[in-house]
Amino acid sequence: MGIHGIVEGKKQWRAHMARVKALPPDYQVVYKEMQKYFFKVGPVGLADGTLLTGVLDFFEAGAADGTRVLALVGHDIAAFCDDLVKDSPTYAEIHQESLRTEGGASGQD
């Protein structure tokens, strides 16, 4: 990725975070907790930006309807996050699989 890509990525991230800051305070808190969780878990889909953008779109629609954020996601935010990425591989899983494959291959030599 060149300088142009980095600058463009930062612009997109700032615009994304400006949308987050426009949400009601309770939505912002839940969004930031979800963001931390996803950064820790590392779903592969996080890198392309669609996961967090989708969550933000969902939250904006809920806020516009006047729905409380916990009515959307429930009280177990981690479980909600897990459900969103249940069919997506994580970087940790990919790494573990590569270690198993490398370990299995070297054990057969």
C-alpha atoms as a PDB file:
ATOM      1  CA  MET A   1       0.000   0.000   0.000  1.00  0.00           C
ATOM      2  CA  GLY A   2       1.430   3.326  -1.040  1.00  0.00           C
ATOM      3  CA  ILE A   3       1.172   6.709   0.616  1.00  0.00           C
ATOM      4  CA  HIS A   4      -2.004   7.505  -1.308  1.00  0.00           C
ATOM      5  CA  GLY A   5      -3.671   4.362   0.031  1.00  0.00           C
ATOM      6  CA  ILE A   6      -2.640   5.152   3.589  1.00  0.00           C
ATOM      7  CA  VAL A   7      -3.950   8.718   3.346  1.00  0.00           C
ATOM      8  CA  GLU A   8      -7.212   7.526   1.788  1.00  0.00           C
ATOM      9  CA  GLY A   9      -7.609   4.885   4.491  1.00  0.00           C
ATOM     10  CA  LYS A  10      -7.129   7.498   7.212  1.00  0.00           C
ATOM     11  CA  LYS A  11      -9.711   9.763   5.589  1.00  0.00           C
ATOM     12  CA  GLN A  12     -12.216   6.920   5.464  1.00  0.00           C
ATOM     13  CA  TRP A  13     -11.510   5.985   9.089  1.00  0.00           C
ATOM     14  CA  ARG A  14     -11.963   9.591  10.257  1.00  0.00           C
ATOM     15  CA  ALA A  15     -15.261   9.844   8.373  1.00  0.00           C
ATOM     16  CA  HIS A  16     -16.352   6.539   9.923  1.00  0.00           C
ATOM     17  CA  MET A  17     -15.473   7.730  13.428  1.00  0.00           C
ATOM     18  CA  ALA A  18     -17.288  11.028  12.807  1.00  0.00           C
ATOM     19  CA  ARG A  19     -20.423   8.963  12.141  1.00  0.00           C
ATOM     20  CA  VAL A  20     -19.840   7.074  15.397  1.00  0.00           C
ATOM     21  CA  LYS A  21     -19.526  10.359  17.309  1.00  0.00           C
ATOM     22  CA  ALA A  22     -22.879  11.467  15.848  1.00  0.00           C
ATOM     23  CA  LEU A  23     -24.625   8.487  17.496  1.00  0.00           C
ATOM     24  CA  PRO A  24     -26.374   8.848  20.874  1.00  0.00           C
ATOM     25  CA  PRO A  25     -23.995   8.298  23.818  1.00  0.00           C
ATOM     26  CA  ASP A  26     -25.282   4.807  24.689  1.00  0.00           C
ATOM     27  CA  TYR A  27     -24.791   3.690  21.079  1.00  0.00           C
ATOM     28  CA  GLN A  28     -21.258   5.095  21.101  1.00  0.00           C
ATOM     29  CA  VAL A  29     -20.346   3.125  24.223  1.00  0.00           C
ATOM     30  CA  VAL A  30     -21.663  -0.148  22.787  1.00  0.00           C
ATOM     31  CA  TYR A  31     -20.042   0.498  19.397  1.00  0.00           C
ATOM     32  CA  LYS A  32     -16.648   1.126  21.006  1.00  0.00           C
ATOM     33  CA  GLU A  33     -16.954  -2.055  23.085  1.00  0.00           C
ATOM     34  CA  MET A  34     -17.817  -4.014  19.954  1.00  0.00           C
ATOM     35  CA  GLN A  35     -14.898  -2.429  18.124  1.00  0.00           C
ATOM     36  CA  LYS A  36     -12.494  -3.429  20.907  1.00  0.00           C
ATOM     37  CA  TYR A  37     -13.893  -6.952  20.890  1.00  0.00           C
ATOM     38  CA  PHE A  38     -13.499  -7.303  17.127  1.00  0.00           C
ATOM     39  CA  PHE A  39      -9.958  -5.933  17.231  1.00  0.00           C
ATOM     40  CA  LYS A  40      -9.126  -8.498  19.900  1.00  0.00           C
ATOM     41  CA  VAL A  41     -10.848 -11.455  18.194  1.00  0.00           C
ATOM     42  CA  GLY A  42      -9.578 -10.505  14.750  1.00  0.00           C
ATOM     43  CA  PRO A  43     -12.233 -11.664  12.278  1.00  0.00           C
ATOM     44  CA  VAL A  44     -10.840 -11.642   8.743  1.00  0.00           C
ATOM     45  CA  GLY A  45     -13.760  -9.505   7.509  1.00  0.00           C
ATOM     46  CA  LEU A  46     -12.641  -6.666   9.757  1.00  0.00           C
ATOM     47  CA  ALA A  47      -9.835  -5.703   7.394  1.00  0.00           C
ATOM     48  CA  ASP A  48     -12.124  -4.842   4.478  1.00  0.00           C
ATOM     49  CA  GLY A  49     -14.163  -2.443   6.611  1.00  0.00           C
ATOM     50  CA  THR A  50     -17.561  -3.962   5.881  1.00  0.00           C
ATOM     51  CA  LEU A  51     -18.120  -5.422   9.358  1.00  0.00           C
ATOM     52  CA  LEU A  52     -17.805  -2.183  11.321  1.00  0.00           C
ATOM     53  CA  THR A  53     -19.556  -0.194   8.602  1.00  0.00           C
ATOM     54  CA  GLY A  54     -22.443  -2.652   8.731  1.00  0.00           C
ATOM     55  CA  VAL A  55     -22.662  -2.325  12.517  1.00  0.00           C
ATOM     56  CA  LEU A  56     -22.608   1.457  12.184  1.00  0.00           C
ATOM     57  CA  ASP A  57     -25.372   1.413   9.552  1.00  0.00           C
ATOM     58  CA  PHE A  58     -27.434  -0.848  11.837  1.00  0.00           C
ATOM     59  CA  PHE A  59     -26.871   1.484  14.803  1.00  0.00           C
ATOM     60  CA  GLU A  60     -27.728   4.608  12.813  1.00  0.00           C
ATOM     61  CA  ALA A  61     -31.022   3.035  11.721  1.00  0.00           C
ATOM     62  CA  GLY A  62     -31.819   1.981  15.297  1.00  0.00           C
ATOM     63  CA  ALA A  63     -31.008   5.412  16.677  1.00  0.00           C
ATOM     64  CA  ALA A  64     -33.137   7.063  13.989  1.00  0.00           C
ATOM     65  CA  ASP A  65     -36.064   4.826  15.019  1.00  0.00           C
ATOM     66  CA  GLY A  66     -35.538   5.730  18.669  1.00  0.00           C
ATOM     67  CA  THR A  67     -34.705   2.143  19.618  1.00  0.00           C
ATOM     68  CA  ARG A  68     -32.486   1.638  22.661  1.00  0.00           C
ATOM     69  CA  VAL A  69     -29.152   0.101  21.716  1.00  0.00           C
ATOM     70  CA  LEU A  70     -29.512  -2.854  24.089  1.00  0.00           C
ATOM     71  CA  ALA A  71     -32.876  -3.646  22.479  1.00  0.00           C
ATOM     72  CA  LEU A  72     -30.901  -4.124  19.241  1.00  0.00           C
ATOM     73  CA  VAL A  73     -27.925  -6.098  20.500  1.00  0.00           C
ATOM     74  CA  GLY A  74     -29.093  -7.550  23.811  1.00  0.00           C
ATOM     75  CA  HIS A  75     -27.280  -7.432  27.122  1.00  0.00           C
ATOM     76  CA  ASP A  76     -24.476  -9.814  26.086  1.00  0.00           C
ATOM     77  CA  ILE A  77     -22.549  -7.724  23.587  1.00  0.00           C
ATOM     78  CA  ALA A  78     -19.820 -10.337  23.154  1.00  0.00           C
ATOM     79  CA  ALA A  79     -22.415 -12.959  22.202  1.00  0.00           C
ATOM     80  CA  PHE A  80     -23.906 -10.534  19.672  1.00  0.00           C
ATOM     81  CA  CYS A  81     -20.435  -9.969  18.203  1.00  0.00           C
ATOM     82  CA  ASP A  82     -19.769 -13.701  18.093  1.00  0.00           C
ATOM     83  CA  ASP A  83     -23.025 -14.226  16.187  1.00  0.00           C
ATOM     84  CA  LEU A  84     -22.000 -11.589  13.639  1.00  0.00           C
ATOM     85  CA  VAL A  85     -18.719 -13.333  12.856  1.00  0.00           C
ATOM     86  CA  LYS A  86     -19.640 -16.960  13.577  1.00  0.00           C
ATOM     87  CA  ASP A  87     -19.077 -18.030   9.980  1.00  0.00           C
ATOM     88  CA  SER A  88     -15.987 -15.888   9.461  1.00  0.00           C
ATOM     89  CA  PRO A  89     -12.517 -17.218  10.129  1.00  0.00           C
ATOM     90  CA  THR A  90     -10.351 -15.252  12.533  1.00  0.00           C
ATOM     91  CA  TYR A  91      -6.677 -14.492  12.123  1.00  0.00           C
ATOM     92  CA  ALA A  92      -6.041 -16.579  15.243  1.00  0.00           C
ATOM     93  CA  GLU A  93      -7.777 -19.584  13.657  1.00  0.00           C
ATOM     94  CA  ILE A  94      -5.816 -19.170  10.427  1.00  0.00           C
ATOM     95  CA  HIS A  95      -2.577 -18.970  12.386  1.00  0.00           C
ATOM     96  CA  GLN A  96      -3.453 -22.033  14.468  1.00  0.00           C
ATOM     97  CA  GLU A  97      -4.338 -23.979  11.327  1.00  0.00           C
ATOM     98  CA  SER A  98      -1.035 -23.010   9.713  1.00  0.00           C
ATOM     99  CA  LEU A  99       0.818 -24.226  12.806  1.00  0.00           C
ATOM    100  CA  ARG A 100      -1.077 -27.526  12.719  1.00  0.00           C
ATOM    101  CA  THR A 101      -0.336 -27.930   9.019  1.00  0.00           C
ATOM    102  CA  GLU A 102       3.359 -27.105   9.465  1.00  0.00           C
ATOM    103  CA  GLY A 103       3.593 -29.337  12.544  1.00  0.00           C
ATOM    104  CA  GLY A 104       1.837 -32.218  10.811  1.00  0.00           C
ATOM    105  CA  ALA A 105       3.963 -31.906   7.684  1.00  0.00           C
ATOM    106  CA  SER A 106       7.236 -31.846   9.574  1.00  0.00           C
ATOM    107  CA  GLY A 107       6.160 -34.784  11.761  1.00  0.00           C
ATOM    108  CA  GLN A 108       5.650 -36.952   8.684  1.00  0.00           C
ATOM    109  CA  ASP A 109       9.134 -36.392   7.250  1.00  0.00           C
END
